[in-house]
Protein backbone atom coordinates (compact mmCIF):
# COMPACT_ATOMS: atom_id res chain seq x y z
CA GLU A 1 -10.52 -1.19 -13.31
CA VAL A 2 -9.69 -4.25 -11.26
CA ASP A 3 -9.26 -7.40 -13.36
CA ALA A 4 -11.91 -9.64 -11.80
CA SER A 5 -10.70 -12.60 -13.86
CA GLN A 6 -7.74 -12.79 -11.48
CA PHE A 7 -9.93 -13.26 -8.41
CA ILE A 8 -9.64 -16.55 -6.53
CA GLY A 9 -12.78 -18.25 -5.25
CA ALA A 10 -13.05 -19.99 -1.91
CA SER A 11 -13.15 -23.75 -1.52
CA LEU A 12 -14.96 -25.36 1.41
CA GLN A 13 -12.66 -27.71 3.31
CA SER A 14 -12.38 -28.93 6.90
CA TYR A 15 -9.85 -29.93 9.49
CA PRO A 16 -10.19 -32.44 12.35
CA ALA A 17 -10.44 -31.22 15.92
CA ARG A 18 -8.72 -33.39 18.51
CA ASP A 19 -12.05 -34.95 19.50
CA GLY A 20 -12.71 -35.92 15.88
CA THR A 21 -15.16 -33.11 15.07
CA LYS A 22 -14.76 -31.75 11.55
CA ILE A 23 -14.29 -27.97 11.62
CA PRO A 24 -15.34 -26.28 8.36
CA MET A 25 -13.04 -23.70 6.80
CA PHE A 26 -12.99 -21.66 3.62
CA VAL A 27 -9.66 -21.64 1.78
CA TRP A 28 -8.45 -19.15 -0.83
CA ARG A 29 -5.40 -20.53 -2.66
CA SER A 30 -3.68 -19.31 -5.81
CA PRO A 31 -2.74 -21.93 -8.45
CA LYS A 32 0.98 -21.45 -7.78
CA CYS A 33 0.47 -22.56 -4.19
CA GLN A 34 -0.68 -25.96 -5.44
CA GLN A 35 2.86 -26.65 -6.61
CA GLN A 36 4.92 -24.95 -3.92
CA SER A 37 4.74 -24.30 -0.21
CA CYS A 38 3.19 -20.89 0.48
CA PRO A 39 2.82 -19.13 3.83
CA VAL A 40 -0.67 -19.33 5.33
CA VAL A 41 -2.80 -16.68 7.04
CA VAL A 42 -5.58 -18.02 9.28
CA HIS A 43 -8.27 -15.44 10.02
CA PHE A 44 -10.73 -16.19 12.83
CA HIS A 45 -13.98 -14.24 12.59
CA GLY A 46 -15.36 -12.09 15.39
CA GLY A 47 -18.57 -12.53 17.30
CA PRO A 48 -18.09 -15.30 18.26
CA GLU A 49 -21.70 -15.63 17.05
CA ALA A 50 -20.85 -14.99 13.39
CA GLN A 51 -19.61 -17.01 10.45
CA SER A 52 -17.21 -16.72 7.57
CA THR A 53 -18.76 -17.22 4.15
CA ALA A 54 -17.51 -17.96 0.64
CA GLY A 55 -18.45 -14.65 -1.00
CA PHE A 56 -15.98 -12.16 -2.44
CA ASN A 57 -13.44 -11.33 0.24
CA LYS A 58 -11.17 -8.36 -0.47
CA ILE A 59 -8.79 -9.23 2.38
CA ALA A 60 -8.50 -12.81 1.18
CA GLN A 61 -7.78 -11.59 -2.35
CA MET A 62 -5.11 -9.18 -1.11
CA PHE A 63 -3.31 -11.97 0.73
CA VAL A 64 -3.60 -14.32 -2.24
CA ASN A 65 -2.14 -11.62 -4.49
CA ALA A 66 0.75 -11.28 -2.05
CA GLY A 67 1.50 -15.02 -2.24
CA PHE A 68 -0.33 -16.37 0.80
CA VAL A 69 -2.93 -19.07 1.29
CA TYR A 70 -5.83 -17.49 3.20
CA VAL A 71 -8.04 -19.51 5.57
CA GLU A 72 -11.23 -18.66 7.47
CA PRO A 73 -12.43 -21.39 9.87
CA ASN A 74 -15.89 -21.57 11.42
CA VAL A 75 -14.92 -23.00 14.78
CA ARG A 76 -17.46 -24.23 17.30
CA GLY A 77 -19.46 -21.25 18.54
CA SER A 78 -19.95 -19.93 15.01
CA ASP A 79 -23.38 -19.13 13.66
CA GLY A 80 -25.00 -20.97 10.76
CA TYR A 81 -24.48 -24.57 11.86
CA GLY A 82 -27.34 -25.07 14.29
CA LYS A 83 -27.89 -24.29 17.96
CA THR A 84 -25.68 -27.09 19.29
CA TRP A 85 -22.70 -25.75 17.33
CA LEU A 86 -23.54 -22.15 18.24
CA ASN A 87 -23.78 -22.85 21.98
CA ALA A 88 -20.85 -25.27 22.17
CA ASP A 89 -18.56 -22.56 23.55
CA ASN A 90 -20.88 -20.81 26.00
CA GLY A 91 -19.37 -20.12 29.43
CA ALA A 92 -17.00 -22.72 30.82
CA LYS A 93 -17.76 -25.04 27.88
CA ARG A 94 -15.32 -22.87 25.88
CA LEU A 95 -12.49 -24.70 27.66
CA GLN A 96 -13.46 -27.86 25.76
CA VAL A 97 -13.53 -26.31 22.27
CA VAL A 98 -11.05 -23.40 22.34
CA THR A 99 -8.51 -25.98 21.15
CA ASP A 100 -10.12 -25.62 17.70
CA ILE A 101 -7.76 -22.64 17.36
CA GLU A 102 -4.63 -24.75 17.79
CA ASP A 103 -5.96 -27.74 15.85
CA CYS A 104 -6.26 -25.62 12.71
CA ALA A 105 -2.53 -24.87 12.75
CA LEU A 106 -1.61 -28.45 13.63
CA TYR A 107 -3.57 -29.71 10.63
CA ILE A 108 -2.07 -27.18 8.21
CA ARG A 109 1.48 -27.97 9.32
CA LYS A 110 0.95 -31.66 8.67
CA ALA A 111 -1.40 -31.76 5.68
CA TRP A 112 -0.20 -28.79 3.65
CA GLN A 113 3.48 -29.65 3.39
CA VAL A 114 4.96 -29.49 -0.10
CA ASN A 115 8.11 -31.54 -0.66
CA SER A 116 8.31 -32.00 3.13
CA LYS A 117 8.43 -28.22 3.65
CA VAL A 118 6.19 -27.09 6.50
CA PRO A 119 4.42 -23.80 5.72
CA LYS A 120 4.76 -20.76 7.93
CA ILE A 121 1.41 -19.85 9.52
CA GLY A 122 0.14 -16.50 10.76
CA VAL A 123 -3.04 -15.89 12.76
CA MET A 124 -5.22 -12.78 12.83
CA GLY A 125 -8.69 -11.51 13.65
CA TRP A 126 -10.87 -8.67 14.87
CA SER A 127 -12.60 -8.56 18.28
CA TYR A 128 -13.28 -12.20 19.23
CA GLY A 129 -11.07 -13.06 16.26
CA GLY A 130 -8.38 -10.91 17.87
CA TYR A 131 -8.90 -12.84 21.08
CA SER A 132 -8.51 -16.07 19.09
CA ALA A 133 -5.27 -14.76 17.62
CA LEU A 134 -3.98 -13.91 21.10
CA MET A 135 -4.90 -17.40 22.34
CA GLY A 136 -3.10 -18.91 19.37
CA MET A 137 0.01 -16.91 20.27
CA THR A 138 -0.06 -17.50 24.04
CA LYS A 139 -1.96 -20.55 25.31
CA PHE A 140 -1.13 -22.38 22.08
CA ALA A 141 2.30 -20.82 21.60
CA GLY A 142 4.30 -22.51 18.87
CA SER A 143 1.29 -23.34 16.73
CA TYR A 144 1.47 -20.02 14.84
CA ASP A 145 4.58 -18.21 13.63
CA ALA A 146 3.18 -14.67 13.88
CA GLY A 147 -0.02 -13.00 15.05
CA VAL A 148 -2.10 -9.87 14.58
CA SER A 149 -4.75 -8.99 17.16
CA LEU A 150 -7.14 -6.24 16.15
CA VAL A 151 -9.22 -5.04 19.12
CA GLY A 152 -8.86 -8.45 20.76
CA MET A 153 -9.68 -9.23 24.38
CA SER A 154 -6.58 -10.18 26.36
CA ASN A 155 -8.31 -10.74 29.71
CA LEU A 156 -11.94 -11.87 29.77
CA LEU A 157 -12.36 -10.74 33.38
CA SER A 158 -11.24 -7.15 32.78
CA PHE A 159 -13.12 -7.12 29.47
CA LEU A 160 -16.39 -7.97 31.23
CA GLN A 161 -15.69 -5.40 33.93
CA ASN A 162 -14.89 -2.54 31.55
CA THR A 163 -17.03 -3.04 28.46
CA ALA A 164 -20.21 -0.98 28.00
CA PRO A 165 -22.90 -1.95 30.58
CA ALA A 166 -25.45 -3.13 28.02
CA ARG A 167 -22.83 -5.23 26.29
CA ARG A 168 -21.60 -6.67 29.60
CA GLN A 169 -24.88 -8.42 30.24
CA LEU A 170 -24.95 -9.85 26.73
CA ARG A 171 -21.34 -11.04 26.94
CA ILE A 172 -21.77 -12.70 30.34
CA THR A 173 -24.21 -15.07 28.65
CA GLU A 174 -21.53 -15.91 26.11
CA TYR A 175 -18.31 -15.97 28.16
CA GLY A 176 -19.47 -16.62 31.71
CA ASP A 177 -20.18 -14.78 34.94
CA PRO A 178 -17.16 -13.00 36.54
CA GLN A 179 -18.06 -14.43 39.96
CA ARG A 180 -19.46 -17.86 39.18
CA ASP A 181 -17.07 -18.66 36.31
CA ARG A 182 -14.02 -16.73 37.49
CA ASP A 183 -11.58 -19.67 37.27
CA ALA A 184 -12.73 -20.55 33.75
CA LEU A 185 -12.43 -16.93 32.61
CA ILE A 186 -8.86 -16.79 33.91
CA ALA A 187 -8.03 -20.07 32.18
CA LEU A 188 -9.50 -18.69 28.96
CA SER A 189 -7.59 -15.38 29.04
CA PRO A 190 -4.52 -14.93 26.81
CA ILE A 191 -2.83 -12.77 29.46
CA THR A 192 -2.67 -15.86 31.69
CA TYR A 193 -0.23 -17.46 29.26
CA ILE A 194 1.82 -14.39 28.37
CA ASP A 195 5.09 -16.06 29.43
CA ARG A 196 4.67 -18.60 26.63
CA LEU A 197 4.62 -16.02 23.84
CA GLN A 198 7.75 -15.94 21.69
CA ALA A 199 6.68 -15.28 18.09
CA PRO A 200 6.11 -11.76 16.65
CA LEU A 201 2.83 -10.12 17.66
CA LEU A 202 1.16 -6.98 16.33
CA ILE A 203 -1.56 -5.36 18.46
CA ILE A 204 -3.99 -2.85 16.91
CA GLN A 205 -6.57 -1.05 19.04
CA GLY A 206 -8.84 1.99 18.94
CA ALA A 207 -8.45 4.26 21.95
CA ASN A 208 -12.18 4.98 22.26
CA ASP A 209 -13.62 1.53 21.50
CA PRO A 210 -16.67 1.12 23.80
CA ARG A 211 -17.00 -2.61 23.19
CA VAL A 212 -13.42 -3.82 23.62
CA PRO A 213 -11.84 -1.17 25.86
CA VAL A 214 -8.31 0.03 25.10
CA GLY A 215 -7.12 -1.49 28.39
CA GLU A 216 -7.27 -4.92 26.73
CA ALA A 217 -4.43 -3.87 24.42
CA VAL A 218 -2.53 -1.79 26.97
CA GLN A 219 -2.27 -4.51 29.59
CA ILE A 220 -0.91 -7.15 27.23
CA GLN A 221 1.50 -4.65 25.65
CA ASN A 222 2.74 -3.69 29.12
CA ALA A 223 3.18 -7.35 30.03
CA LEU A 224 5.21 -7.95 26.87
CA GLU A 225 7.39 -4.89 27.45
CA LYS A 226 8.02 -6.00 31.02
CA ARG A 227 9.26 -9.33 29.69
CA GLN A 228 11.21 -7.62 26.88
CA ILE A 229 9.25 -9.51 24.23
CA PRO A 230 9.07 -7.44 21.00
CA SER A 231 5.55 -6.56 19.89
């Protein structure tokens, strides 16, 4: 039997975005990490119309057991905070709030130092969370020390072109139209900033995924290999 008395509960905290907006985040932290600097894993949820909650989280507990602080932000675009928050990242408006990804790391580096030691920070996520991880590693290179993208979109244009037809129409509403919003979609694609990536990156992808096609992983892996960047 698992000893449930060793489980760590989540605390609701927040970090400031660069425009002053408070971004809520749930934090799982073991008692030993109150006294010493522990590495941090930031997990961005998928969707993006979803939200992280404070219930039992087996992945959080596994990271805590391994000596990490585990963080799940609910950046703008998340569900559960009203329609204004939910729609804040629709289409080209995402350019104004995608910086929530970087601001999380900037806050942790400054506020969570112990004895002036800056914690190492990793970023991860599935689907849109994988996209967020890729953005953290490319557009916002230097903010995170390592990344894991699980079925993340590396190019929003090719994603919209190759995802399942029914899903394409739904996702155009969220991300933007490939013709009308082409420039914004390029600016919001991790592949655009591939030359900035320097930290270790792990890419995980299912070959037959109908929602996030395998090409999203293949093209960024090819780009990294071409530049001789280990991944």
